[in-house]
């Protein structure tokens, strides 16, 4: 059901029974606004909430049908199939919600994140706990904080938060060399 190129998107009303971004995003952004990349945006579940914090919102997904849906719902969002067109060091927040674990070429994704992110930028991660939550992606593809930090080894955890009983949240910032 949940594989890379034909994403399963749980129905929004079901999702909202446990995933309410308006309740946990305020503590993540702490009133800051900036250029945000919703990386692996799917059909835009988070886009509507991110727009509140975005001076500019890029929504990236390989699924062009999902992107069309995002563009229809949120005209001001810039929809892209890859981060290639985003200029170097122009992004304040790169946001991954339930998406990074599914990406084929994680090395490429991380290198692009490092390229587009400002030196004081943040990576925000929301993903499924690596335990059997009864629904969601198979345990075998889930990633915990340790798994993330292997990929984002040039970053440190600035903050942890609990978006839902089934998810964990991380805010990462670059290590200062």
Protein backbone atom coordinates (compact mmCIF):
# COMPACT_ATOMS: atom_id res chain seq x y z
CA UNK A 1 0.00 0.00 0.00
CA UNK A 2 2.72 2.47 0.89
CA UNK A 3 5.36 2.38 -1.77
CA UNK A 4 7.51 5.03 -3.28
CA UNK A 5 5.87 5.93 -6.53
CA UNK A 6 2.20 5.37 -5.78
CA UNK A 7 1.95 6.99 -2.39
CA UNK A 8 -0.89 6.07 -0.12
CA UNK A 9 -2.32 9.25 1.38
CA UNK A 10 -4.63 8.60 4.31
CA UNK A 11 -7.88 10.55 3.99
CA UNK A 12 -7.42 14.03 5.40
CA UNK A 13 -10.32 13.86 7.86
CA UNK A 14 -8.96 10.62 9.33
CA UNK A 15 -5.49 12.07 9.47
CA UNK A 16 -6.72 15.15 11.28
CA UNK A 17 -8.10 13.00 14.09
CA UNK A 18 -4.52 12.54 15.30
CA UNK A 19 -2.32 14.87 13.24
CA UNK A 20 -3.10 18.53 13.94
CA UNK A 21 -0.24 20.70 12.71
CA UNK A 22 -1.77 23.90 14.09
CA UNK A 23 -1.18 22.47 17.59
CA UNK A 24 2.53 21.66 17.30
CA UNK A 25 3.94 23.85 14.52
CA UNK A 26 3.84 27.04 16.64
CA UNK A 27 6.48 25.62 19.01
CA UNK A 28 8.56 24.53 16.02
CA UNK A 29 8.61 27.90 14.27
CA UNK A 30 8.43 30.05 17.44
CA UNK A 31 6.88 32.91 15.50
CA UNK A 32 9.65 32.93 12.88
CA UNK A 33 8.82 33.21 9.21
CA UNK A 34 10.90 32.44 6.17
CA UNK A 35 11.39 30.55 2.94
CA UNK A 36 10.13 26.99 3.46
CA UNK A 37 10.58 23.86 1.38
CA UNK A 38 7.96 21.16 1.95
CA UNK A 39 10.07 18.26 0.67
CA UNK A 40 7.93 15.27 -0.27
CA UNK A 41 4.78 17.35 0.12
CA UNK A 42 2.41 14.71 -1.25
CA UNK A 43 -1.04 16.16 -1.75
CA UNK A 44 -0.30 19.14 0.46
CA UNK A 45 -1.55 18.09 3.90
CA UNK A 46 1.03 20.34 5.57
CA UNK A 47 1.13 23.10 2.94
CA UNK A 48 -1.87 24.97 4.32
CA UNK A 49 -0.25 25.18 7.76
CA UNK A 50 3.21 25.99 6.45
CA UNK A 51 1.84 28.90 4.43
CA UNK A 52 1.29 30.73 7.73
CA UNK A 53 5.04 30.68 8.35
CA UNK A 54 6.23 31.03 4.78
CA UNK A 55 7.38 34.16 3.04
CA UNK A 56 7.70 31.76 0.10
CA UNK A 57 6.68 28.08 0.01
CA UNK A 58 8.22 25.51 -2.31
CA UNK A 59 6.40 22.17 -2.48
CA UNK A 60 8.50 19.34 -3.89
CA UNK A 61 7.26 15.89 -4.85
CA UNK A 62 7.98 13.35 -7.59
CA UNK A 63 4.24 12.74 -7.89
CA UNK A 64 3.08 15.30 -10.47
CA UNK A 65 -0.59 14.48 -9.91
CA UNK A 66 -0.22 15.29 -6.21
CA UNK A 67 1.58 18.52 -7.15
CA UNK A 68 -1.29 19.57 -9.41
CA UNK A 69 -3.62 19.10 -6.47
CA UNK A 70 -1.36 21.25 -4.27
CA UNK A 71 -1.24 24.00 -6.91
CA UNK A 72 -5.04 23.96 -7.23
CA UNK A 73 -5.49 24.27 -3.47
CA UNK A 74 -2.66 26.71 -2.78
CA UNK A 75 -2.01 29.00 -5.69
CA UNK A 76 0.91 30.78 -4.00
CA UNK A 77 2.88 27.55 -3.49
CA UNK A 78 5.72 26.96 -5.94
CA UNK A 79 5.46 23.32 -7.04
CA UNK A 80 8.59 21.47 -8.19
CA UNK A 81 9.52 17.87 -8.91
CA UNK A 82 13.07 18.45 -7.61
CA UNK A 83 15.00 21.11 -5.69
CA UNK A 84 17.28 21.82 -8.68
CA UNK A 85 15.75 25.22 -9.42
CA UNK A 86 16.03 26.48 -5.84
CA UNK A 87 19.03 28.81 -5.55
CA UNK A 88 21.89 28.06 -3.13
CA UNK A 89 21.59 29.24 0.47
CA UNK A 90 18.14 30.80 0.13
CA UNK A 91 15.99 28.54 2.34
CA UNK A 92 15.24 29.03 6.04
CA UNK A 93 13.37 25.77 6.72
CA UNK A 94 13.37 22.42 4.95
CA UNK A 95 10.40 20.40 6.14
CA UNK A 96 10.07 16.61 5.80
CA UNK A 97 6.80 15.11 6.99
CA UNK A 98 6.50 11.32 6.66
CA UNK A 99 8.53 11.58 3.48
CA UNK A 100 12.29 11.13 3.81
CA UNK A 101 12.07 7.43 4.69
CA UNK A 102 10.47 6.86 1.27
CA UNK A 103 13.01 8.69 -0.85
CA UNK A 104 15.13 6.58 -3.20
CA UNK A 105 18.26 8.68 -3.34
CA UNK A 106 18.68 9.97 0.19
CA UNK A 107 22.28 11.02 -0.46
CA UNK A 108 21.12 13.37 -3.21
CA UNK A 109 18.32 14.75 -1.05
CA UNK A 110 20.69 15.51 1.85
CA UNK A 111 23.24 17.16 -0.44
CA UNK A 112 20.51 19.35 -1.96
CA UNK A 113 19.25 20.27 1.52
CA UNK A 114 22.77 21.39 2.45
CA UNK A 115 23.01 23.37 -0.80
CA UNK A 116 19.72 25.28 -0.54
CA UNK A 117 19.68 25.84 3.23
CA UNK A 118 21.04 29.08 4.69
CA UNK A 119 23.86 28.61 7.18
CA UNK A 120 21.44 29.33 10.04
CA UNK A 121 18.60 27.38 8.43
CA UNK A 122 16.72 24.50 10.05
CA UNK A 123 15.61 21.05 8.96
CA UNK A 124 12.27 20.02 10.45
CA UNK A 125 11.42 16.32 10.51
CA UNK A 126 8.15 14.67 11.38
CA UNK A 127 8.03 10.94 10.88
CA UNK A 128 6.44 7.74 12.10
CA UNK A 129 7.83 6.19 15.26
CA UNK A 130 9.82 3.05 14.56
CA UNK A 131 7.33 0.83 16.33
CA UNK A 132 4.13 -0.91 15.38
CA UNK A 133 1.53 1.85 15.47
CA UNK A 134 -1.17 -0.33 13.91
CA UNK A 135 -1.31 1.73 10.71
CA UNK A 136 1.08 3.78 8.61
CA UNK A 137 4.10 2.56 6.64
CA UNK A 138 5.63 -0.88 7.26
CA UNK A 139 8.08 -1.06 10.13
CA UNK A 140 10.87 -2.03 7.73
CA UNK A 141 10.95 1.42 6.09
CA UNK A 142 10.55 3.50 9.23
CA UNK A 143 13.43 5.56 10.55
CA UNK A 144 14.18 6.73 14.07
CA UNK A 145 16.32 9.64 15.23
CA UNK A 146 19.53 7.58 14.98
CA UNK A 147 18.72 6.63 11.39
CA UNK A 148 18.09 10.27 10.52
CA UNK A 149 21.30 11.45 12.14
CA UNK A 150 23.30 9.01 10.01
CA UNK A 151 22.06 10.88 6.95
CA UNK A 152 22.12 14.33 8.54
CA UNK A 153 25.52 13.90 10.15
CA UNK A 154 26.47 17.56 9.55
CA UNK A 155 23.56 18.63 11.75
CA UNK A 156 22.72 18.51 15.44
CA UNK A 157 19.34 18.16 17.12
CA UNK A 158 18.21 21.53 18.38
CA UNK A 159 14.77 20.43 19.55
CA UNK A 160 12.59 17.36 19.86
CA UNK A 161 8.81 17.52 19.85
CA UNK A 162 5.89 15.09 19.77
CA UNK A 163 3.54 15.86 16.89
CA UNK A 164 1.21 12.89 17.50
CA UNK A 165 1.22 9.71 19.58
CA UNK A 166 2.48 7.90 16.45
CA UNK A 167 5.15 10.36 15.29
CA UNK A 168 8.31 12.01 16.53
CA UNK A 169 9.59 15.45 15.61
CA UNK A 170 13.10 16.87 15.27
CA UNK A 171 14.46 20.32 14.51
CA UNK A 172 18.03 20.11 13.20
CA UNK A 173 20.55 22.88 12.76
CA UNK A 174 23.95 22.80 11.08
CA UNK A 175 26.99 22.00 13.13
CA UNK A 176 29.20 25.02 13.37
CA UNK A 177 32.60 23.99 12.14
